[in-house]
Amino acid sequence: MKEEISFEDFLKVDIRIGTIIEINDFPKARKPAYQLKIDFGNLGIKKSSAQITDLYTKEELLNKQVSAIINFKPRQIANFLSEVLVLGVYNTDGKVVLLQASKAIKNGEQVS
């Protein structure tokens, strides 16, 4: 378990729903990953590097809604600037399962 935080700390994290509109292989990443472009509606299109190649094909990911933290500082990963962190959970096999809404949601909506 991690350090306890306050509700005010949680409110600083901006988690939004977006739709994956483009997926590319990322051969320069140290661990297998995809380069994603995600549409967050009026917040624009953001890029992310995501280590989700074990359980998801590019075809499965196209037009899939995901949740992501959008207010982290961008992170340089090899030759790619990752702007958001797509959220997932490691399953019992150590593979990332995406966190997503159970119903379609407008892109850019905030998770609360």
N, C-alpha and C. Protein backbone atom coordinates (compact mmCIF):
# COMPACT_ATOMS: atom_id res chain seq x y z
N MET A 1 0.84 -1.18 0.00
CA MET A 1 0.00 0.00 0.00
C MET A 1 0.89 1.24 0.00
N LYS A 2 0.46 2.25 -0.73
CA LYS A 2 1.24 3.48 -0.82
C LYS A 2 0.85 4.44 0.29
N GLU A 3 1.60 5.50 0.38
CA GLU A 3 1.38 6.55 1.38
C GLU A 3 -0.03 7.13 1.26
N GLU A 4 -0.66 7.37 2.39
CA GLU A 4 -1.99 7.97 2.42
C GLU A 4 -1.93 9.41 1.92
N ILE A 5 -2.91 9.79 1.11
CA ILE A 5 -2.98 11.15 0.60
C ILE A 5 -4.32 11.76 0.99
N SER A 6 -4.41 13.05 0.86
CA SER A 6 -5.66 13.74 1.17
C SER A 6 -6.56 13.78 -0.06
N PHE A 7 -7.82 14.10 0.13
CA PHE A 7 -8.74 14.24 -0.98
C PHE A 7 -8.27 15.37 -1.90
N GLU A 8 -7.69 16.42 -1.31
CA GLU A 8 -7.17 17.53 -2.10
C GLU A 8 -6.03 17.07 -3.03
N ASP A 9 -5.21 16.12 -2.55
CA ASP A 9 -4.17 15.55 -3.40
C ASP A 9 -4.80 14.83 -4.59
N PHE A 10 -5.83 14.04 -4.35
CA PHE A 10 -6.52 13.32 -5.42
C PHE A 10 -7.09 14.30 -6.44
N LEU A 11 -7.63 15.42 -5.98
CA LEU A 11 -8.24 16.39 -6.89
C LEU A 11 -7.22 17.01 -7.85
N LYS A 12 -5.94 16.93 -7.52
CA LYS A 12 -4.90 17.46 -8.41
C LYS A 12 -4.70 16.59 -9.64
N VAL A 13 -5.10 15.33 -9.56
CA VAL A 13 -4.92 14.39 -10.68
C VAL A 13 -6.09 14.56 -11.64
N ASP A 14 -5.77 14.86 -12.90
CA ASP A 14 -6.80 15.09 -13.91
C ASP A 14 -6.91 13.84 -14.80
N ILE A 15 -7.91 13.00 -14.51
CA ILE A 15 -8.13 11.77 -15.26
C ILE A 15 -9.29 12.02 -16.22
N ARG A 16 -9.06 11.76 -17.50
CA ARG A 16 -10.07 12.03 -18.53
C ARG A 16 -10.28 10.79 -19.39
N ILE A 17 -11.41 10.78 -20.07
CA ILE A 17 -11.74 9.73 -21.03
C ILE A 17 -11.39 10.22 -22.43
N GLY A 18 -10.75 9.37 -23.21
CA GLY A 18 -10.41 9.70 -24.59
C GLY A 18 -10.53 8.48 -25.48
N THR A 19 -10.56 8.71 -26.78
CA THR A 19 -10.67 7.63 -27.76
C THR A 19 -9.38 7.53 -28.55
N ILE A 20 -8.85 6.32 -28.64
CA ILE A 20 -7.62 6.08 -29.41
C ILE A 20 -7.96 6.21 -30.89
N ILE A 21 -7.25 7.13 -31.57
CA ILE A 21 -7.54 7.36 -32.99
C ILE A 21 -6.39 6.92 -33.90
N GLU A 22 -5.23 6.64 -33.31
CA GLU A 22 -4.10 6.17 -34.11
C GLU A 22 -3.18 5.35 -33.23
N ILE A 23 -2.67 4.24 -33.78
CA ILE A 23 -1.76 3.35 -33.06
C ILE A 23 -0.60 3.03 -33.98
N ASN A 24 0.63 3.15 -33.44
CA ASN A 24 1.82 2.78 -34.20
C ASN A 24 2.72 1.92 -33.32
N ASP A 25 3.47 1.02 -33.97
CA ASP A 25 4.48 0.26 -33.24
C ASP A 25 5.54 1.23 -32.73
N PHE A 26 6.23 0.85 -31.66
CA PHE A 26 7.25 1.70 -31.07
C PHE A 26 8.53 0.87 -30.89
N PRO A 27 9.24 0.61 -31.99
CA PRO A 27 10.41 -0.27 -31.92
C PRO A 27 11.56 0.28 -31.08
N LYS A 28 11.62 1.59 -30.85
CA LYS A 28 12.73 2.16 -30.07
C LYS A 28 12.48 2.10 -28.56
N ALA A 29 11.30 1.71 -28.13
CA ALA A 29 11.01 1.60 -26.70
C ALA A 29 11.80 0.42 -26.11
N ARG A 30 12.24 0.55 -24.85
CA ARG A 30 12.98 -0.53 -24.20
C ARG A 30 12.11 -1.76 -23.99
N LYS A 31 10.85 -1.55 -23.59
CA LYS A 31 9.89 -2.63 -23.44
C LYS A 31 8.86 -2.49 -24.55
N PRO A 32 8.29 -3.61 -25.02
CA PRO A 32 7.30 -3.52 -26.11
C PRO A 32 6.18 -2.54 -25.78
N ALA A 33 5.91 -1.62 -26.72
CA ALA A 33 4.90 -0.58 -26.49
C ALA A 33 4.33 -0.12 -27.82
N TYR A 34 3.21 0.57 -27.71
CA TYR A 34 2.61 1.26 -28.85
C TYR A 34 2.72 2.76 -28.63
N GLN A 35 2.76 3.50 -29.72
CA GLN A 35 2.60 4.95 -29.69
C GLN A 35 1.13 5.21 -30.02
N LEU A 36 0.43 5.90 -29.13
CA LEU A 36 -0.99 6.16 -29.31
C LEU A 36 -1.25 7.64 -29.51
N LYS A 37 -2.26 7.95 -30.32
CA LYS A 37 -2.83 9.29 -30.38
C LYS A 37 -4.25 9.14 -29.87
N ILE A 38 -4.58 9.97 -28.88
CA ILE A 38 -5.86 9.85 -28.19
C ILE A 38 -6.62 11.16 -28.29
N ASP A 39 -7.87 11.09 -28.69
CA ASP A 39 -8.74 12.27 -28.83
C ASP A 39 -9.45 12.53 -27.51
N PHE A 40 -9.16 13.68 -26.91
CA PHE A 40 -9.79 14.09 -25.66
C PHE A 40 -10.79 15.22 -25.90
N GLY A 41 -11.46 15.19 -27.03
CA GLY A 41 -12.50 16.17 -27.33
C GLY A 41 -11.94 17.58 -27.38
N ASN A 42 -12.59 18.50 -26.63
CA ASN A 42 -12.16 19.90 -26.67
C ASN A 42 -10.79 20.13 -26.03
N LEU A 43 -10.22 19.11 -25.39
CA LEU A 43 -8.87 19.22 -24.83
C LEU A 43 -7.80 18.89 -25.87
N GLY A 44 -8.22 18.39 -27.02
CA GLY A 44 -7.30 18.11 -28.10
C GLY A 44 -6.84 16.67 -28.17
N ILE A 45 -5.91 16.44 -29.09
CA ILE A 45 -5.34 15.11 -29.30
C ILE A 45 -4.00 15.07 -28.59
N LYS A 46 -3.81 14.03 -27.79
CA LYS A 46 -2.58 13.87 -27.00
C LYS A 46 -1.93 12.55 -27.37
N LYS A 47 -0.61 12.47 -27.16
CA LYS A 47 0.16 11.27 -27.46
C LYS A 47 0.53 10.53 -26.18
N SER A 48 0.62 9.20 -26.30
CA SER A 48 1.04 8.38 -25.18
C SER A 48 1.80 7.16 -25.67
N SER A 49 2.80 6.77 -24.90
CA SER A 49 3.46 5.49 -25.10
C SER A 49 2.84 4.54 -24.09
N ALA A 50 2.37 3.39 -24.57
CA ALA A 50 1.68 2.46 -23.66
C ALA A 50 2.19 1.04 -23.86
N GLN A 51 2.57 0.40 -22.76
CA GLN A 51 3.07 -0.98 -22.80
C GLN A 51 1.88 -1.94 -22.70
N ILE A 52 1.10 -1.99 -23.76
CA ILE A 52 -0.12 -2.80 -23.77
C ILE A 52 -0.14 -3.78 -24.94
N THR A 53 1.03 -4.12 -25.45
CA THR A 53 1.11 -4.97 -26.64
C THR A 53 0.80 -6.44 -26.35
N ASP A 54 0.90 -6.87 -25.10
CA ASP A 54 0.66 -8.28 -24.78
C ASP A 54 -0.79 -8.69 -24.98
N LEU A 55 -1.72 -7.83 -24.58
CA LEU A 55 -3.13 -8.22 -24.60
C LEU A 55 -3.96 -7.53 -25.67
N TYR A 56 -3.38 -6.53 -26.35
CA TYR A 56 -4.17 -5.74 -27.31
C TYR A 56 -3.46 -5.62 -28.65
N THR A 57 -4.19 -5.88 -29.72
CA THR A 57 -3.67 -5.64 -31.07
C THR A 57 -4.00 -4.20 -31.45
N LYS A 58 -3.33 -3.71 -32.45
CA LYS A 58 -3.61 -2.36 -32.94
C LYS A 58 -5.05 -2.26 -33.42
N GLU A 59 -5.54 -3.31 -34.05
CA GLU A 59 -6.93 -3.30 -34.55
C GLU A 59 -7.93 -3.22 -33.40
N GLU A 60 -7.65 -3.91 -32.30
CA GLU A 60 -8.54 -3.87 -31.13
C GLU A 60 -8.55 -2.49 -30.47
N LEU A 61 -7.43 -1.82 -30.51
CA LEU A 61 -7.30 -0.54 -29.83
C LEU A 61 -7.92 0.64 -30.58
N LEU A 62 -7.96 0.54 -31.90
CA LEU A 62 -8.48 1.65 -32.69
C LEU A 62 -9.93 1.92 -32.30
N ASN A 63 -10.22 3.17 -31.96
CA ASN A 63 -11.55 3.65 -31.54
C ASN A 63 -11.98 3.16 -30.16
N LYS A 64 -11.05 2.60 -29.39
CA LYS A 64 -11.35 2.17 -28.02
C LYS A 64 -11.20 3.36 -27.08
N GLN A 65 -12.16 3.52 -26.17
CA GLN A 65 -12.03 4.57 -25.16
C GLN A 65 -11.16 4.08 -24.01
N VAL A 66 -10.33 4.99 -23.50
CA VAL A 66 -9.44 4.69 -22.39
C VAL A 66 -9.50 5.83 -21.39
N SER A 67 -9.02 5.55 -20.19
CA SER A 67 -8.86 6.62 -19.20
C SER A 67 -7.37 6.94 -19.10
N ALA A 68 -7.07 8.22 -18.90
CA ALA A 68 -5.67 8.64 -18.86
C ALA A 68 -5.51 9.85 -17.95
N ILE A 69 -4.35 9.92 -17.32
CA ILE A 69 -3.99 11.12 -16.56
C ILE A 69 -3.39 12.09 -17.56
N ILE A 70 -3.99 13.28 -17.63
CA ILE A 70 -3.56 14.22 -18.67
C ILE A 70 -2.72 15.38 -18.14
N ASN A 71 -2.53 15.46 -16.81
CA ASN A 71 -1.78 16.61 -16.30
C ASN A 71 -0.42 16.25 -15.69
N PHE A 72 0.16 15.13 -16.11
CA PHE A 72 1.56 14.86 -15.79
C PHE A 72 2.42 15.67 -16.75
N LYS A 73 3.66 15.96 -16.34
CA LYS A 73 4.60 16.59 -17.26
C LYS A 73 4.89 15.58 -18.38
N PRO A 74 5.00 16.05 -19.62
CA PRO A 74 5.35 15.13 -20.72
C PRO A 74 6.67 14.42 -20.42
N ARG A 75 6.76 13.17 -20.91
CA ARG A 75 7.94 12.35 -20.64
C ARG A 75 8.55 11.88 -21.95
N GLN A 76 9.85 12.11 -22.11
CA GLN A 76 10.56 11.67 -23.31
C GLN A 76 10.87 10.19 -23.18
N ILE A 77 10.38 9.39 -24.12
CA ILE A 77 10.66 7.96 -24.16
C ILE A 77 11.28 7.68 -25.52
N ALA A 78 12.56 7.41 -25.52
CA ALA A 78 13.34 7.27 -26.76
C ALA A 78 13.12 8.53 -27.60
N ASN A 79 12.61 8.38 -28.81
CA ASN A 79 12.42 9.54 -29.70
C ASN A 79 10.98 10.04 -29.69
N PHE A 80 10.23 9.72 -28.64
CA PHE A 80 8.79 10.02 -28.58
C PHE A 80 8.46 10.77 -27.29
N LEU A 81 7.65 11.84 -27.40
CA LEU A 81 7.24 12.60 -26.22
C LEU A 81 5.84 12.13 -25.82
N SER A 82 5.77 11.44 -24.69
CA SER A 82 4.50 10.93 -24.17
C SER A 82 3.86 12.01 -23.31
N GLU A 83 2.64 12.43 -23.67
CA GLU A 83 1.99 13.56 -23.00
C GLU A 83 1.00 13.15 -21.93
N VAL A 84 0.48 11.93 -22.01
CA VAL A 84 -0.51 11.46 -21.03
C VAL A 84 -0.17 10.04 -20.61
N LEU A 85 -0.69 9.62 -19.45
CA LEU A 85 -0.47 8.27 -18.95
C LEU A 85 -1.78 7.50 -19.02
N VAL A 86 -1.83 6.52 -19.92
CA VAL A 86 -2.99 5.65 -20.06
C VAL A 86 -3.01 4.72 -18.85
N LEU A 87 -4.20 4.56 -18.24
CA LEU A 87 -4.30 3.79 -17.01
C LEU A 87 -4.64 2.33 -17.26
N GLY A 88 -3.99 1.47 -16.50
CA GLY A 88 -4.23 0.04 -16.60
C GLY A 88 -3.83 -0.64 -15.30
N VAL A 89 -4.10 -1.93 -15.24
CA VAL A 89 -3.79 -2.74 -14.06
C VAL A 89 -3.06 -3.99 -14.54
N TYR A 90 -2.02 -4.40 -13.81
CA TYR A 90 -1.34 -5.64 -14.13
C TYR A 90 -2.20 -6.82 -13.70
N ASN A 91 -2.41 -7.77 -14.62
CA ASN A 91 -3.16 -8.97 -14.25
C ASN A 91 -2.22 -9.97 -13.59
N THR A 92 -2.70 -11.16 -13.28
CA THR A 92 -1.88 -12.16 -12.57
C THR A 92 -0.70 -12.64 -13.41
N ASP A 93 -0.76 -12.44 -14.73
CA ASP A 93 0.35 -12.82 -15.60
C ASP A 93 1.33 -11.66 -15.83
N GLY A 94 1.10 -10.52 -15.16
CA GLY A 94 1.98 -9.37 -15.30
C GLY A 94 1.76 -8.58 -16.57
N LYS A 95 0.59 -8.74 -17.19
CA LYS A 95 0.25 -8.01 -18.41
C LYS A 95 -0.76 -6.92 -18.09
N VAL A 96 -0.66 -5.79 -18.80
CA VAL A 96 -1.49 -4.63 -18.51
C VAL A 96 -2.88 -4.78 -19.13
N VAL A 97 -3.89 -4.63 -18.27
CA VAL A 97 -5.30 -4.59 -18.70
C VAL A 97 -5.75 -3.15 -18.57
N LEU A 98 -6.29 -2.59 -19.64
CA LEU A 98 -6.71 -1.19 -19.65
C LEU A 98 -7.90 -0.96 -18.72
N LEU A 99 -7.89 0.20 -18.06
CA LEU A 99 -9.06 0.65 -17.30
C LEU A 99 -9.92 1.46 -18.25
N GLN A 100 -11.19 1.12 -18.32
CA GLN A 100 -12.07 1.85 -19.22
C GLN A 100 -13.48 1.89 -18.66
N ALA A 101 -14.25 2.85 -19.14
CA ALA A 101 -15.64 2.99 -18.72
C ALA A 101 -16.47 1.84 -19.27
N SER A 102 -17.51 1.48 -18.55
CA SER A 102 -18.36 0.38 -18.99
C SER A 102 -19.34 0.79 -20.08
N LYS A 103 -19.52 2.09 -20.28
CA LYS A 103 -20.39 2.62 -21.34
C LYS A 103 -19.65 3.76 -22.04
N ALA A 104 -20.06 4.07 -23.27
CA ALA A 104 -19.42 5.16 -24.02
C ALA A 104 -19.63 6.50 -23.31
N ILE A 105 -18.58 7.30 -23.32
CA ILE A 105 -18.58 8.61 -22.65
C ILE A 105 -18.01 9.63 -23.62
N LYS A 106 -18.47 10.84 -23.53
CA LYS A 106 -17.96 11.92 -24.37
C LYS A 106 -16.46 12.11 -24.12
N ASN A 107 -15.69 12.19 -25.19
CA ASN A 107 -14.24 12.41 -25.06
C ASN A 107 -13.97 13.69 -24.27
N GLY A 108 -13.01 13.59 -23.35
CA GLY A 108 -12.63 14.73 -22.55
C GLY A 108 -13.31 14.81 -21.19
N GLU A 109 -14.33 13.96 -20.98
CA GLU A 109 -15.03 13.98 -19.69
C GLU A 109 -14.07 13.58 -18.58
N GLN A 110 -14.23 14.22 -17.43
CA GLN A 110 -13.35 13.99 -16.30
C GLN A 110 -13.87 12.86 -15.43
N VAL A 111 -12.93 12.00 -15.00
CA VAL A 111 -13.25 10.93 -14.06
C VAL A 111 -13.27 11.55 -12.66
N SER A 112 -14.32 11.24 -11.92
CA SER A 112 -14.39 11.81 -10.56
C SER A 112 -14.79 10.76 -9.56
